[in-house]
Amino acid sequence: MKKNKLIVYKESTINKISKFLKNMFHIANKEENQVILDNANKNLKKENFIDKIVIKENKVEKVLKELKIKYENGDINEDEMSLKDMDRLIKMYKDETEKLNKDTEKRKIRISKMLNKLNVP
Protein backbone atom coordinates (compact mmCIF):
# COMPACT_ATOMS: atom_id res chain seq x y z
CA MET A 1 0.00 0.00 0.00
CA LYS A 2 1.10 3.51 -0.67
CA LYS A 3 1.60 5.78 2.27
CA ASN A 4 -0.10 9.12 2.80
CA LYS A 5 -2.80 8.61 0.20
CA LEU A 6 -6.50 9.09 0.62
CA ILE A 7 -7.38 6.13 -1.57
CA VAL A 8 -5.92 2.80 -0.55
CA TYR A 9 -4.25 1.20 -3.53
CA LYS A 10 -2.91 -2.32 -3.48
CA GLU A 11 -0.43 -3.23 -6.20
CA SER A 12 -0.51 -6.64 -7.70
CA THR A 13 2.68 -8.55 -8.36
CA ILE A 14 2.19 -8.17 -12.10
CA ASN A 15 2.06 -4.39 -11.73
CA LYS A 16 5.21 -4.45 -9.59
CA ILE A 17 7.06 -6.53 -12.18
CA SER A 18 5.82 -4.28 -14.94
CA LYS A 19 7.01 -1.12 -13.17
CA PHE A 20 10.35 -2.74 -12.38
CA LEU A 21 10.94 -3.65 -16.03
CA LYS A 22 9.82 -0.23 -17.24
CA ASN A 23 12.21 1.47 -14.85
CA MET A 24 15.05 -0.86 -15.79
CA PHE A 25 14.60 -0.33 -19.54
CA HIS A 26 13.98 3.37 -19.12
CA ILE A 27 17.36 3.83 -17.41
CA ALA A 28 19.06 1.68 -20.06
CA ASN A 29 17.48 3.80 -22.79
CA LYS A 30 18.79 6.97 -21.16
CA GLU A 31 22.31 5.54 -21.10
CA GLU A 32 22.05 4.32 -24.69
CA ASN A 33 20.69 7.69 -25.75
CA GLN A 34 23.63 9.42 -24.08
CA VAL A 35 26.09 7.16 -25.90
CA ILE A 36 24.28 7.79 -29.18
CA LEU A 37 24.34 11.54 -28.57
CA ASP A 38 28.06 11.45 -27.76
CA ASN A 39 28.77 9.55 -30.99
CA ALA A 40 26.58 11.95 -32.95
CA ASN A 41 28.44 14.93 -31.50
CA LYS A 42 31.79 13.40 -32.46
CA ASN A 43 30.55 12.73 -35.99
CA LEU A 44 29.16 16.24 -36.22
CA LYS A 45 32.50 17.73 -35.20
CA LYS A 46 34.25 15.65 -37.86
CA GLU A 47 31.72 16.69 -40.50
CA ASN A 48 32.06 20.35 -39.52
CA PHE A 49 35.82 20.08 -39.88
CA ILE A 50 35.49 18.44 -43.28
CA ASP A 51 32.92 21.05 -44.37
CA LYS A 52 35.27 23.86 -43.36
CA ILE A 53 38.07 22.36 -45.41
CA VAL A 54 35.80 21.84 -48.42
CA ILE A 55 34.44 25.40 -48.16
CA LYS A 56 37.97 26.82 -48.07
CA GLU A 57 38.97 24.78 -51.12
CA ASN A 58 35.79 25.81 -52.90
CA LYS A 59 36.53 29.48 -52.20
CA VAL A 60 40.01 29.14 -53.70
CA GLU A 61 38.60 27.32 -56.72
CA LYS A 62 35.87 29.93 -57.11
CA VAL A 63 38.41 32.76 -57.07
CA LEU A 64 40.53 30.93 -59.64
CA LYS A 65 37.56 30.33 -61.91
CA GLU A 66 36.59 34.00 -61.69
CA LEU A 67 40.19 34.93 -62.50
CA LYS A 68 40.16 32.52 -65.44
CA ILE A 69 36.97 34.04 -66.84
CA LYS A 70 38.33 37.57 -66.45
CA TYR A 71 41.57 36.55 -68.19
CA GLU A 72 39.75 34.81 -71.05
CA ASN A 73 37.45 37.83 -71.54
CA GLY A 74 40.43 40.16 -71.65
CA ASP A 75 39.50 42.07 -68.50
CA ILE A 76 42.85 41.21 -66.88
CA ASN A 77 46.28 41.03 -68.50
CA GLU A 78 49.16 38.85 -67.40
CA ASP A 79 50.93 41.94 -66.10
CA GLU A 80 48.05 42.71 -63.73
CA MET A 81 48.10 39.25 -62.11
CA SER A 82 50.39 38.25 -59.28
CA LEU A 83 52.87 35.45 -59.82
CA LYS A 84 51.03 33.29 -57.30
CA ASP A 85 47.74 33.71 -59.16
CA MET A 86 49.45 33.00 -62.46
CA ASP A 87 50.98 29.80 -61.10
CA ARG A 88 47.64 28.67 -59.71
CA LEU A 89 45.93 29.44 -63.01
CA ILE A 90 48.58 27.53 -64.97
CA LYS A 91 48.20 24.57 -62.62
CA MET A 92 44.42 24.70 -63.04
CA TYR A 93 44.77 24.70 -66.85
CA LYS A 94 47.15 21.72 -66.69
CA ASP A 95 44.76 19.81 -64.43
CA GLU A 96 41.86 20.49 -66.79
CA THR A 97 43.82 19.30 -69.81
CA GLU A 98 44.90 16.13 -67.97
CA LYS A 99 41.30 15.38 -67.06
CA LEU A 100 40.19 15.95 -70.63
CA ASN A 101 42.97 13.73 -71.98
CA LYS A 102 42.04 10.93 -69.58
CA ASP A 103 38.40 11.29 -70.51
CA THR A 104 39.14 11.13 -74.24
CA GLU A 105 41.28 8.02 -73.74
CA LYS A 106 38.45 6.32 -71.87
CA ARG A 107 36.03 7.24 -74.62
CA LYS A 108 38.40 5.96 -77.32
CA ILE A 109 38.75 2.64 -75.53
CA ARG A 110 34.99 2.38 -75.07
CA ILE A 111 34.32 3.16 -78.73
CA SER A 112 36.94 0.65 -79.89
CA LYS A 113 35.35 -2.03 -77.69
CA MET A 114 31.94 -1.25 -79.15
CA LEU A 115 33.32 -1.46 -82.69
CA ASN A 116 34.99 -4.80 -81.90
CA LYS A 117 31.70 -6.16 -80.63
CA LEU A 118 29.93 -5.06 -83.79
CA ASN A 119 32.53 -6.58 -86.14
CA VAL A 120 32.76 -9.93 -84.37
CA PRO A 121 29.78 -12.21 -85.22
Foldseek 3Di string as FASTA:
>chain_A
DDPPDPDDDDDDPVVVVVVVVVVVVVVVVVVVVVVVVVVVVVVVVVVVVVVVVVVVVVVVVVVLVVVVVCVVVVVDDPVRDDPVSVVVNVVVVVVVVVVVVVVVVVVVVVVVVVVVVVPPD
